[in-house]
């Protein structure tokens, strides 16, 4: 696995004033370690993640399985090996009230869950977009393995991604990074 996926914490920043969605991941020291640029007008989501802004080394692909799907599933593929790492599937109806995703292994078995922290806060967020920061948890079984917390900033989207509670490294960091990008991309479309 590429060393850029071995950090316990990242800060994702989404560029606000860009025609295409641009996502930058920084390590705890503030160094840029991942860059992604969403292509506009794509019928099917196909997000590529690179080790830097020059886009010389692709490290991850996130590809939607279907063009339009209320319960969209996204395959996560390691670009260096071409091997599927797993997938993320949005729970369509459940996500109307509170964002909820399933984390799938390479055989599409559910191995974890990604969800907004609170039903009440999720409902408030739906009506006061941008005023109440989002907070997500990733769990595997009963264990919380990651926390994705949006910083309150009405002018810029920033998401702190924390894997430090995943001591046994049950969650593949590539799936965690893909989840953060998808959350930022979906939030970008909703706001």
N, C-alpha and C. Protein backbone atom coordinates (compact mmCIF):
# COMPACT_ATOMS: atom_id res chain seq x y z
N UNK A 1 0.85 -1.18 0.00
CA UNK A 1 0.00 0.00 0.00
C UNK A 1 0.90 1.24 0.00
N UNK A 2 0.49 2.25 -0.74
CA UNK A 2 1.22 3.50 -0.83
C UNK A 2 1.31 4.15 0.55
N UNK A 3 2.47 4.74 0.86
CA UNK A 3 2.70 5.33 2.18
C UNK A 3 1.79 6.52 2.49
N UNK A 4 1.19 7.15 1.47
CA UNK A 4 0.29 8.28 1.74
C UNK A 4 -0.95 7.85 2.50
N UNK A 5 -1.22 6.55 2.53
CA UNK A 5 -2.40 6.04 3.24
C UNK A 5 -2.08 5.53 4.65
N UNK A 6 -0.91 5.86 5.16
CA UNK A 6 -0.52 5.34 6.47
C UNK A 6 -0.62 6.36 7.60
N UNK A 7 -1.19 7.51 7.32
CA UNK A 7 -1.35 8.51 8.38
C UNK A 7 -2.58 8.19 9.22
N UNK A 8 -2.54 8.61 10.49
CA UNK A 8 -3.69 8.42 11.37
C UNK A 8 -4.69 9.56 11.24
N UNK A 9 -4.23 10.70 10.75
CA UNK A 9 -5.10 11.86 10.62
C UNK A 9 -4.81 12.60 9.31
N UNK A 10 -5.88 13.17 8.76
CA UNK A 10 -5.79 13.98 7.54
C UNK A 10 -6.71 15.18 7.71
N UNK A 11 -6.44 16.19 6.92
CA UNK A 11 -7.37 17.31 6.80
C UNK A 11 -7.71 17.42 5.33
N UNK A 12 -8.99 17.26 5.00
CA UNK A 12 -9.45 17.40 3.63
C UNK A 12 -9.99 18.82 3.46
N UNK A 13 -9.55 19.47 2.39
CA UNK A 13 -10.07 20.80 2.06
C UNK A 13 -10.63 20.75 0.66
N UNK A 14 -11.85 21.23 0.51
CA UNK A 14 -12.46 21.30 -0.81
C UNK A 14 -12.37 22.74 -1.29
N UNK A 15 -11.84 22.91 -2.50
CA UNK A 15 -11.72 24.24 -3.06
C UNK A 15 -13.12 24.75 -3.38
N UNK A 16 -13.42 25.96 -2.92
CA UNK A 16 -14.76 26.50 -3.03
C UNK A 16 -15.04 27.07 -4.41
N UNK A 17 -14.18 27.91 -4.91
CA UNK A 17 -14.44 28.60 -6.16
C UNK A 17 -13.73 27.93 -7.33
N UNK A 18 -14.10 26.70 -7.63
CA UNK A 18 -13.55 25.98 -8.78
C UNK A 18 -14.72 25.37 -9.52
N UNK A 19 -14.63 25.35 -10.84
CA UNK A 19 -15.71 24.75 -11.63
C UNK A 19 -15.81 23.25 -11.36
N UNK A 20 -14.68 22.60 -11.24
CA UNK A 20 -14.67 21.17 -10.91
C UNK A 20 -14.33 21.04 -9.43
N UNK A 21 -14.83 19.99 -8.78
CA UNK A 21 -14.53 19.79 -7.38
C UNK A 21 -13.07 19.42 -7.19
N UNK A 22 -12.35 20.19 -6.40
CA UNK A 22 -10.94 19.90 -6.11
C UNK A 22 -10.83 19.61 -4.63
N UNK A 23 -10.18 18.48 -4.33
CA UNK A 23 -10.04 18.04 -2.94
C UNK A 23 -8.55 17.85 -2.65
N UNK A 24 -8.12 18.41 -1.53
CA UNK A 24 -6.72 18.28 -1.11
C UNK A 24 -6.69 17.67 0.29
N UNK A 25 -5.83 16.66 0.46
CA UNK A 25 -5.62 16.03 1.76
C UNK A 25 -4.25 16.42 2.28
N UNK A 26 -4.22 16.84 3.54
CA UNK A 26 -2.98 17.23 4.19
C UNK A 26 -2.71 16.29 5.35
N UNK A 27 -1.43 15.97 5.58
CA UNK A 27 -1.06 15.15 6.72
C UNK A 27 -1.02 16.03 7.97
N UNK A 28 -0.77 15.45 9.16
CA UNK A 28 -0.79 16.26 10.39
C UNK A 28 0.21 17.42 10.41
N UNK A 29 1.28 17.32 9.62
CA UNK A 29 2.26 18.41 9.58
C UNK A 29 1.87 19.51 8.59
N UNK A 30 0.75 19.33 7.86
CA UNK A 30 0.30 20.32 6.91
C UNK A 30 0.80 20.12 5.50
N UNK A 31 1.46 19.00 5.24
CA UNK A 31 1.99 18.70 3.90
C UNK A 31 0.89 18.08 3.04
N UNK A 32 0.77 18.56 1.80
CA UNK A 32 -0.19 17.98 0.86
C UNK A 32 0.25 16.56 0.51
N UNK A 33 -0.66 15.59 0.73
CA UNK A 33 -0.31 14.19 0.44
C UNK A 33 -1.21 13.55 -0.60
N UNK A 34 -2.40 14.12 -0.82
CA UNK A 34 -3.33 13.59 -1.83
C UNK A 34 -4.08 14.74 -2.50
N UNK A 35 -4.37 14.56 -3.78
CA UNK A 35 -5.10 15.57 -4.53
C UNK A 35 -6.09 14.87 -5.44
N UNK A 36 -7.29 15.41 -5.52
CA UNK A 36 -8.31 14.84 -6.40
C UNK A 36 -9.07 15.98 -7.06
N UNK A 37 -9.40 15.77 -8.32
CA UNK A 37 -10.18 16.76 -9.05
C UNK A 37 -11.32 16.02 -9.75
N UNK A 38 -12.53 16.36 -9.36
CA UNK A 38 -13.73 15.74 -9.95
C UNK A 38 -14.00 16.36 -11.29
N UNK A 39 -14.21 15.54 -12.28
CA UNK A 39 -14.51 16.07 -13.61
C UNK A 39 -15.96 16.48 -13.68
N UNK A 40 -16.19 17.63 -14.31
CA UNK A 40 -17.55 18.14 -14.47
C UNK A 40 -18.25 17.41 -15.60
N UNK A 41 -19.55 17.38 -15.52
CA UNK A 41 -20.42 16.86 -16.58
C UNK A 41 -20.17 15.38 -16.88
N UNK A 42 -19.71 14.63 -15.90
CA UNK A 42 -19.56 13.18 -16.07
C UNK A 42 -20.91 12.55 -15.76
N UNK A 43 -21.33 11.64 -16.62
CA UNK A 43 -22.61 10.97 -16.41
C UNK A 43 -22.48 9.99 -15.25
N UNK A 44 -21.36 9.28 -15.19
CA UNK A 44 -21.12 8.35 -14.09
C UNK A 44 -19.89 8.84 -13.33
N UNK A 45 -20.03 8.92 -12.02
CA UNK A 45 -18.96 9.42 -11.16
C UNK A 45 -17.70 8.57 -11.33
N UNK A 46 -16.57 9.24 -11.57
CA UNK A 46 -15.28 8.58 -11.72
C UNK A 46 -14.24 9.53 -11.14
N UNK A 47 -13.91 9.32 -9.88
CA UNK A 47 -13.00 10.23 -9.17
C UNK A 47 -11.63 9.58 -9.10
N UNK A 48 -10.62 10.33 -9.48
CA UNK A 48 -9.23 9.86 -9.43
C UNK A 48 -8.50 10.63 -8.34
N UNK A 49 -7.67 9.91 -7.59
CA UNK A 49 -6.91 10.51 -6.50
C UNK A 49 -5.42 10.34 -6.82
N UNK A 50 -4.68 11.44 -6.67
CA UNK A 50 -3.26 11.47 -7.02
C UNK A 50 -2.42 11.81 -5.80
N UNK A 51 -1.12 11.54 -5.89
CA UNK A 51 -0.22 11.82 -4.77
C UNK A 51 0.15 13.30 -4.68
N UNK A 52 -0.13 14.08 -5.75
CA UNK A 52 0.12 15.52 -5.71
C UNK A 52 -0.67 16.22 -6.81
N UNK A 53 -0.58 17.54 -6.85
CA UNK A 53 -1.37 18.31 -7.81
C UNK A 53 -0.89 18.19 -9.25
N UNK A 54 0.33 17.70 -9.46
CA UNK A 54 0.80 17.52 -10.84
C UNK A 54 0.13 16.32 -11.50
N UNK A 55 -0.52 15.48 -10.70
CA UNK A 55 -1.28 14.32 -11.17
C UNK A 55 -0.41 13.31 -11.91
N UNK A 56 0.84 13.18 -11.50
CA UNK A 56 1.74 12.22 -12.16
C UNK A 56 1.58 10.80 -11.63
N UNK A 57 1.17 10.67 -10.36
CA UNK A 57 1.01 9.34 -9.79
C UNK A 57 -0.42 9.17 -9.25
N UNK A 58 -1.22 8.39 -9.98
CA UNK A 58 -2.57 8.09 -9.52
C UNK A 58 -2.47 6.98 -8.47
N UNK A 59 -3.16 7.17 -7.35
CA UNK A 59 -3.08 6.19 -6.26
C UNK A 59 -4.41 5.50 -5.97
N UNK A 60 -5.52 6.11 -6.39
CA UNK A 60 -6.83 5.55 -6.04
C UNK A 60 -7.88 5.97 -7.06
N UNK A 61 -8.82 5.05 -7.35
CA UNK A 61 -9.97 5.36 -8.21
C UNK A 61 -11.23 5.09 -7.41
N UNK A 62 -12.21 5.97 -7.58
CA UNK A 62 -13.52 5.79 -6.96
C UNK A 62 -14.52 5.87 -8.10
N UNK A 63 -15.17 4.74 -8.40
CA UNK A 63 -16.03 4.69 -9.59
C UNK A 63 -17.44 4.24 -9.22
N UNK A 64 -18.41 5.03 -9.68
CA UNK A 64 -19.81 4.66 -9.48
C UNK A 64 -20.14 3.46 -10.36
N UNK A 65 -20.94 2.57 -9.85
CA UNK A 65 -21.31 1.37 -10.62
C UNK A 65 -22.36 1.68 -11.67
N UNK A 66 -23.25 2.62 -11.36
CA UNK A 66 -24.33 2.94 -12.28
C UNK A 66 -24.40 4.44 -12.50
N UNK A 67 -25.11 4.81 -13.55
CA UNK A 67 -25.23 6.23 -13.88
C UNK A 67 -26.05 6.97 -12.83
N UNK A 68 -27.27 6.56 -12.62
CA UNK A 68 -28.13 7.20 -11.64
C UNK A 68 -28.65 6.13 -10.70
N UNK A 69 -28.44 6.34 -9.42
CA UNK A 69 -28.88 5.35 -8.46
C UNK A 69 -29.07 6.03 -7.11
N UNK A 70 -30.25 5.89 -6.56
CA UNK A 70 -30.56 6.49 -5.27
C UNK A 70 -29.73 5.87 -4.16
N UNK A 71 -29.44 4.60 -4.30
CA UNK A 71 -28.57 3.89 -3.35
C UNK A 71 -27.25 3.58 -4.05
N UNK A 72 -26.56 4.62 -4.46
CA UNK A 72 -25.36 4.48 -5.28
C UNK A 72 -24.28 3.67 -4.57
N UNK A 73 -23.59 2.84 -5.35
CA UNK A 73 -22.44 2.09 -4.86
C UNK A 73 -21.21 2.55 -5.64
N UNK A 74 -20.11 2.73 -4.93
CA UNK A 74 -18.87 3.21 -5.52
C UNK A 74 -17.77 2.21 -5.21
N UNK A 75 -17.15 1.68 -6.26
CA UNK A 75 -16.01 0.78 -6.08
C UNK A 75 -14.77 1.62 -5.82
N UNK A 76 -13.94 1.14 -4.91
CA UNK A 76 -12.68 1.80 -4.59
C UNK A 76 -11.56 0.86 -5.04
N UNK A 77 -10.71 1.37 -5.95
CA UNK A 77 -9.68 0.55 -6.59
C UNK A 77 -8.31 1.17 -6.34
N UNK A 78 -7.35 0.35 -5.93
CA UNK A 78 -5.97 0.79 -5.78
C UNK A 78 -5.39 0.92 -7.19
N UNK A 79 -5.01 2.12 -7.58
CA UNK A 79 -4.56 2.37 -8.96
C UNK A 79 -3.24 1.68 -9.28
N UNK A 80 -2.38 1.49 -8.28
CA UNK A 80 -1.08 0.87 -8.56
C UNK A 80 -1.20 -0.62 -8.87
N UNK A 81 -2.20 -1.28 -8.29
CA UNK A 81 -2.37 -2.72 -8.53
C UNK A 81 -3.56 -3.04 -9.42
N UNK A 82 -4.50 -2.11 -9.53
CA UNK A 82 -5.73 -2.36 -10.28
C UNK A 82 -6.72 -3.22 -9.52
N UNK A 83 -6.41 -3.52 -8.26
CA UNK A 83 -7.25 -4.38 -7.43
C UNK A 83 -8.29 -3.57 -6.67
N UNK A 84 -9.50 -4.10 -6.63
CA UNK A 84 -10.56 -3.48 -5.84
C UNK A 84 -10.23 -3.64 -4.36
N UNK A 85 -10.37 -2.55 -3.63
CA UNK A 85 -10.11 -2.53 -2.19
C UNK A 85 -11.39 -2.82 -1.42
N UNK A 86 -12.49 -2.36 -1.97
CA UNK A 86 -13.80 -2.50 -1.34
C UNK A 86 -14.76 -1.56 -2.03
N UNK A 87 -15.83 -1.22 -1.36
CA UNK A 87 -16.82 -0.32 -1.95
C UNK A 87 -17.55 0.43 -0.85
N UNK A 88 -18.21 1.50 -1.27
CA UNK A 88 -19.05 2.28 -0.38
C UNK A 88 -20.41 2.38 -1.04
N UNK A 89 -21.47 2.09 -0.26
CA UNK A 89 -22.82 2.12 -0.82
C UNK A 89 -23.70 3.00 0.05
N UNK A 90 -24.29 3.98 -0.59
CA UNK A 90 -25.17 4.90 0.13
C UNK A 90 -26.51 4.22 0.39
N UNK A 91 -27.02 4.38 1.60
CA UNK A 91 -28.33 3.83 1.93
C UNK A 91 -29.36 4.90 1.58
N UNK A 92 -29.97 4.73 0.42
CA UNK A 92 -30.84 5.72 -0.19
C UNK A 92 -31.87 6.36 0.72
N UNK A 93 -32.90 5.62 1.11
CA UNK A 93 -33.98 6.20 1.92
C UNK A 93 -33.50 6.65 3.28
N UNK A 94 -32.62 5.87 3.89
CA UNK A 94 -32.11 6.25 5.21
C UNK A 94 -31.34 7.57 5.14
N UNK A 95 -30.69 7.85 4.00
CA UNK A 95 -29.89 9.06 3.86
C UNK A 95 -30.71 10.32 3.66
N UNK A 96 -32.01 10.18 3.47
CA UNK A 96 -32.84 11.38 3.38
C UNK A 96 -32.88 12.13 4.70
N UNK A 97 -32.96 11.39 5.78
CA UNK A 97 -33.01 12.00 7.10
C UNK A 97 -31.63 12.19 7.71
N UNK A 98 -30.79 11.18 7.55
CA UNK A 98 -29.45 11.20 8.13
C UNK A 98 -28.54 10.42 7.19
N UNK A 99 -27.44 11.03 6.73
CA UNK A 99 -26.54 10.34 5.81
C UNK A 99 -26.07 9.04 6.41
N UNK A 100 -26.20 7.97 5.60
CA UNK A 100 -25.77 6.66 6.06
C UNK A 100 -25.23 5.88 4.86
N UNK A 101 -24.09 5.26 5.06
CA UNK A 101 -23.41 4.47 4.02
C UNK A 101 -23.01 3.13 4.61
N UNK A 102 -22.88 2.14 3.73
CA UNK A 102 -22.33 0.85 4.11
C UNK A 102 -20.93 0.74 3.53
N UNK A 103 -20.03 0.15 4.29
CA UNK A 103 -18.68 -0.11 3.82
C UNK A 103 -18.62 -1.59 3.48
N UNK A 104 -18.20 -1.88 2.25
CA UNK A 104 -18.21 -3.25 1.74
C UNK A 104 -16.79 -3.75 1.49
N UNK A 105 -16.59 -5.06 1.68
CA UNK A 105 -15.30 -5.64 1.35
C UNK A 105 -15.23 -5.93 -0.16
N UNK A 106 -14.18 -6.60 -0.62
CA UNK A 106 -14.00 -6.84 -2.06
C UNK A 106 -15.09 -7.74 -2.64
N UNK A 107 -15.77 -8.52 -1.80
CA UNK A 107 -16.85 -9.39 -2.26
C UNK A 107 -18.23 -8.77 -2.02
N UNK A 108 -18.27 -7.50 -1.67
CA UNK A 108 -19.50 -6.75 -1.40
C UNK A 108 -20.24 -7.20 -0.15
N UNK A 109 -19.52 -7.78 0.80
CA UNK A 109 -20.09 -8.08 2.11
C UNK A 109 -19.98 -6.82 2.98
N UNK A 110 -21.01 -6.51 3.73
CA UNK A 110 -20.98 -5.34 4.60
C UNK A 110 -20.02 -5.61 5.75
N UNK A 111 -19.02 -4.70 5.90
CA UNK A 111 -18.04 -4.84 6.98
C UNK A 111 -18.07 -3.65 7.93
N UNK A 112 -18.77 -2.59 7.53
CA UNK A 112 -18.81 -1.42 8.39
C UNK A 112 -19.90 -0.47 7.98
N UNK A 113 -20.00 0.62 8.76
CA UNK A 113 -21.05 1.60 8.55
C UNK A 113 -20.46 3.00 8.71
N UNK A 114 -20.94 3.93 7.89
CA UNK A 114 -20.58 5.33 7.98
C UNK A 114 -21.89 6.09 8.16
N UNK A 115 -21.98 6.92 9.19
CA UNK A 115 -23.25 7.59 9.45
C UNK A 115 -23.05 8.92 10.15
N UNK A 116 -24.02 9.82 9.94
CA UNK A 116 -24.02 11.10 10.63
C UNK A 116 -24.24 10.85 12.12
N UNK A 117 -23.63 11.70 12.93
CA UNK A 117 -23.60 11.50 14.37
C UNK A 117 -24.96 11.48 15.05
N UNK A 118 -25.88 12.33 14.64
CA UNK A 118 -27.12 12.47 15.38
C UNK A 118 -28.28 12.73 14.42
N UNK A 119 -29.38 12.04 14.64
CA UNK A 119 -30.57 12.24 13.80
C UNK A 119 -31.10 13.66 13.95
N UNK A 120 -31.14 14.18 15.17
CA UNK A 120 -31.66 15.53 15.40
C UNK A 120 -30.80 16.57 14.71
N UNK A 121 -29.47 16.46 14.86
CA UNK A 121 -28.57 17.42 14.20
C UNK A 121 -28.62 17.28 12.69
N UNK A 122 -28.78 16.06 12.21
CA UNK A 122 -28.89 15.83 10.76
C UNK A 122 -30.10 16.56 10.19
N UNK A 123 -31.22 16.49 10.90
CA UNK A 123 -32.42 17.19 10.44
C UNK A 123 -32.23 18.71 10.46
N UNK A 124 -31.59 19.21 11.50
CA UNK A 124 -31.30 20.65 11.58
C UNK A 124 -30.39 21.06 10.43
N UNK A 125 -29.38 20.22 10.13
CA UNK A 125 -28.47 20.52 9.02
C UNK A 125 -29.20 20.62 7.68
N UNK A 126 -30.23 19.82 7.52
CA UNK A 126 -30.97 19.84 6.25
C UNK A 126 -31.63 21.20 6.02
N UNK A 127 -32.02 21.87 7.11
CA UNK A 127 -32.70 23.15 7.00
C UNK A 127 -31.76 24.35 7.15
N UNK A 128 -30.67 24.17 7.86
CA UNK A 128 -29.72 25.26 8.08
C UNK A 128 -28.37 24.88 7.48
N UNK A 129 -28.38 24.59 6.20
CA UNK A 129 -27.18 24.14 5.50
C UNK A 129 -26.01 25.09 5.72
N UNK A 130 -24.89 24.53 6.12
CA UNK A 130 -23.68 25.31 6.32
C UNK A 130 -23.53 25.92 7.70
N UNK A 131 -24.61 25.96 8.48
CA UNK A 131 -24.52 26.58 9.81
C UNK A 131 -24.20 25.57 10.91
N UNK A 132 -24.52 24.31 10.68
CA UNK A 132 -24.23 23.27 11.65
C UNK A 132 -23.28 22.28 10.99
N UNK A 133 -22.03 22.23 11.45
CA UNK A 133 -21.05 21.33 10.82
C UNK A 133 -21.46 19.86 10.94
N UNK A 134 -21.08 19.09 9.92
CA UNK A 134 -21.40 17.66 9.92
C UNK A 134 -20.35 16.88 10.69
N UNK A 135 -20.77 15.78 11.27
CA UNK A 135 -19.88 14.88 11.99
C UNK A 135 -20.30 13.46 11.66
N UNK A 136 -19.35 12.65 11.23
CA UNK A 136 -19.63 11.27 10.85
C UNK A 136 -18.76 10.32 11.66
N UNK A 137 -19.29 9.15 11.89
CA UNK A 137 -18.54 8.06 12.51
C UNK A 137 -18.48 6.90 11.55
N UNK A 138 -17.37 6.18 11.57
CA UNK A 138 -17.26 4.91 10.86
C UNK A 138 -17.09 3.84 11.92
N UNK A 139 -17.95 2.82 11.83
CA UNK A 139 -17.87 1.71 12.77
C UNK A 139 -17.69 0.41 12.01
N UNK A 140 -17.02 -0.51 12.66
CA UNK A 140 -16.90 -1.88 12.17
C UNK A 140 -17.35 -2.76 13.33
N UNK A 141 -18.50 -3.37 13.16
CA UNK A 141 -19.12 -4.06 14.29
C UNK A 141 -19.52 -3.00 15.31
N UNK A 142 -19.10 -3.18 16.54
CA UNK A 142 -19.42 -2.21 17.59
C UNK A 142 -18.29 -1.21 17.81
N UNK A 143 -17.17 -1.39 17.10
CA UNK A 143 -16.01 -0.53 17.30
C UNK A 143 -16.04 0.68 16.38
N UNK A 144 -15.83 1.85 16.96
CA UNK A 144 -15.68 3.07 16.17
C UNK A 144 -14.24 3.12 15.68
N UNK A 145 -14.05 3.21 14.36
CA UNK A 145 -12.71 3.15 13.78
C UNK A 145 -12.28 4.47 13.14
N UNK A 146 -13.21 5.39 12.96
CA UNK A 146 -12.85 6.69 12.37
C UNK A 146 -13.89 7.74 12.72
N UNK A 147 -13.43 8.98 12.73
CA UNK A 147 -14.28 10.12 12.97
C UNK A 147 -13.99 11.14 11.87
N UNK A 148 -15.03 11.60 11.20
CA UNK A 148 -14.90 12.61 10.14
C UNK A 148 -15.71 13.82 10.58
N UNK A 149 -15.01 14.89 10.88
CA UNK A 149 -15.66 16.05 11.49
C UNK A 149 -15.42 17.30 10.65
N UNK A 150 -16.51 17.91 10.23
CA UNK A 150 -16.43 19.15 9.45
C UNK A 150 -16.16 20.32 10.38
N UNK A 151 -15.25 21.19 9.97
CA UNK A 151 -14.96 22.40 10.73
C UNK A 151 -16.03 23.43 10.41
N UNK A 152 -16.40 24.23 11.39
CA UNK A 152 -17.36 25.30 11.12
C UNK A 152 -16.64 26.41 10.38
N UNK A 153 -16.99 26.57 9.11
CA UNK A 153 -16.44 27.62 8.28
C UNK A 153 -17.40 27.82 7.12
N UNK A 154 -18.19 28.88 7.13
CA UNK A 154 -19.17 29.07 6.06
C UNK A 154 -18.55 29.37 4.69
N UNK A 155 -17.24 29.64 4.65
CA UNK A 155 -16.59 30.01 3.40
C UNK A 155 -15.77 28.89 2.78
N UNK A 156 -15.43 27.87 3.55
CA UNK A 156 -14.60 26.78 3.02
C UNK A 156 -15.01 25.46 3.67
N UNK A 157 -14.99 24.40 2.87
CA UNK A 157 -15.32 23.07 3.40
C UNK A 157 -14.03 22.41 3.85
N UNK A 158 -13.97 22.05 5.14
CA UNK A 158 -12.82 21.34 5.69
C UNK A 158 -13.34 20.18 6.52
N UNK A 159 -12.73 19.03 6.32
CA UNK A 159 -13.15 17.82 7.02
C UNK A 159 -11.93 17.18 7.67
N UNK A 160 -11.93 17.12 9.00
CA UNK A 160 -10.86 16.44 9.72
C UNK A 160 -11.18 14.95 9.73
N UNK A 161 -10.24 14.15 9.28
CA UNK A 161 -10.41 12.69 9.18
C UNK A 161 -9.46 12.06 10.19
N UNK A 162 -10.01 11.34 11.15
CA UNK A 162 -9.21 10.80 12.25
C UNK A 162 -9.39 9.29 12.36
N UNK A 163 -8.30 8.56 12.12
CA UNK A 163 -8.29 7.09 12.23
C UNK A 163 -7.59 6.62 13.51
N UNK A 164 -7.22 7.54 14.39
CA UNK A 164 -6.38 7.18 15.54
C UNK A 164 -7.03 6.19 16.50
N UNK A 165 -8.36 6.12 16.53
CA UNK A 165 -9.01 5.16 17.43
C UNK A 165 -8.99 3.74 16.86
N UNK A 166 -8.58 3.58 15.60
CA UNK A 166 -8.51 2.27 14.94
C UNK A 166 -7.13 1.66 15.19
N UNK A 167 -6.89 1.28 16.42
CA UNK A 167 -5.57 0.80 16.84
C UNK A 167 -5.15 -0.46 16.08
N UNK A 168 -6.08 -1.37 15.84
CA UNK A 168 -5.75 -2.61 15.13
C UNK A 168 -5.84 -2.47 13.61
N UNK A 169 -6.10 -1.27 13.13
CA UNK A 169 -6.19 -0.95 11.70
C UNK A 169 -7.13 -1.89 10.95
N UNK A 170 -8.34 -2.01 11.46
CA UNK A 170 -9.35 -2.84 10.81
C UNK A 170 -9.87 -2.22 9.52
N UNK A 171 -9.93 -0.88 9.49
CA UNK A 171 -10.42 -0.18 8.31
C UNK A 171 -9.25 0.16 7.39
N UNK A 172 -9.34 -0.27 6.15
CA UNK A 172 -8.35 0.08 5.15
C UNK A 172 -8.42 1.60 4.94
N UNK A 173 -7.32 2.29 5.14
CA UNK A 173 -7.30 3.74 5.03
C UNK A 173 -7.77 4.22 3.65
N UNK A 174 -7.54 3.42 2.62
CA UNK A 174 -7.98 3.80 1.28
C UNK A 174 -9.50 3.93 1.24
N UNK A 175 -10.21 3.05 1.94
CA UNK A 175 -11.67 3.15 2.02
C UNK A 175 -12.08 4.38 2.83
N UNK A 176 -11.34 4.67 3.88
CA UNK A 176 -11.63 5.85 4.69
C UNK A 176 -11.43 7.15 3.92
N UNK A 177 -10.34 7.22 3.14
CA UNK A 177 -10.08 8.41 2.31
C UNK A 177 -11.15 8.54 1.24
N UNK A 178 -11.53 7.43 0.61
CA UNK A 178 -12.59 7.45 -0.41
C UNK A 178 -13.90 7.93 0.21
N UNK A 179 -14.20 7.48 1.42
CA UNK A 179 -15.43 7.91 2.10
C UNK A 179 -15.42 9.42 2.32
N UNK A 180 -14.28 9.96 2.73
CA UNK A 180 -14.18 11.41 2.97
C UNK A 180 -14.41 12.19 1.68
N UNK A 181 -13.82 11.72 0.58
CA UNK A 181 -14.00 12.41 -0.71
C UNK A 181 -15.46 12.35 -1.14
N UNK A 182 -16.08 11.18 -1.00
CA UNK A 182 -17.49 11.07 -1.39
C UNK A 182 -18.38 11.96 -0.54
N UNK A 183 -18.12 12.03 0.76
CA UNK A 183 -18.91 12.92 1.61
C UNK A 183 -18.75 14.37 1.17
N UNK A 184 -17.52 14.79 0.88
CA UNK A 184 -17.26 16.16 0.44
C UNK A 184 -17.92 16.43 -0.90
N UNK A 185 -17.89 15.45 -1.79
CA UNK A 185 -18.49 15.62 -3.12
C UNK A 185 -20.01 15.69 -3.02
N UNK A 186 -20.61 14.80 -2.22
CA UNK A 186 -22.06 14.79 -2.06
C UNK A 186 -22.51 16.07 -1.35
N UNK A 187 -21.80 16.49 -0.32
CA UNK A 187 -22.14 17.72 0.39
C UNK A 187 -22.02 18.90 -0.56
N UNK A 188 -21.03 18.85 -1.46
CA UNK A 188 -20.85 19.93 -2.42
C UNK A 188 -22.02 20.05 -3.37
N UNK A 189 -22.60 18.91 -3.75
CA UNK A 189 -23.77 18.94 -4.65
C UNK A 189 -25.01 19.42 -3.90
N UNK A 190 -25.10 19.12 -2.60
CA UNK A 190 -26.29 19.46 -1.84
C UNK A 190 -26.30 20.94 -1.44
N UNK A 191 -25.11 21.55 -1.30
CA UNK A 191 -25.09 22.94 -0.84
C UNK A 191 -25.03 23.92 -1.98
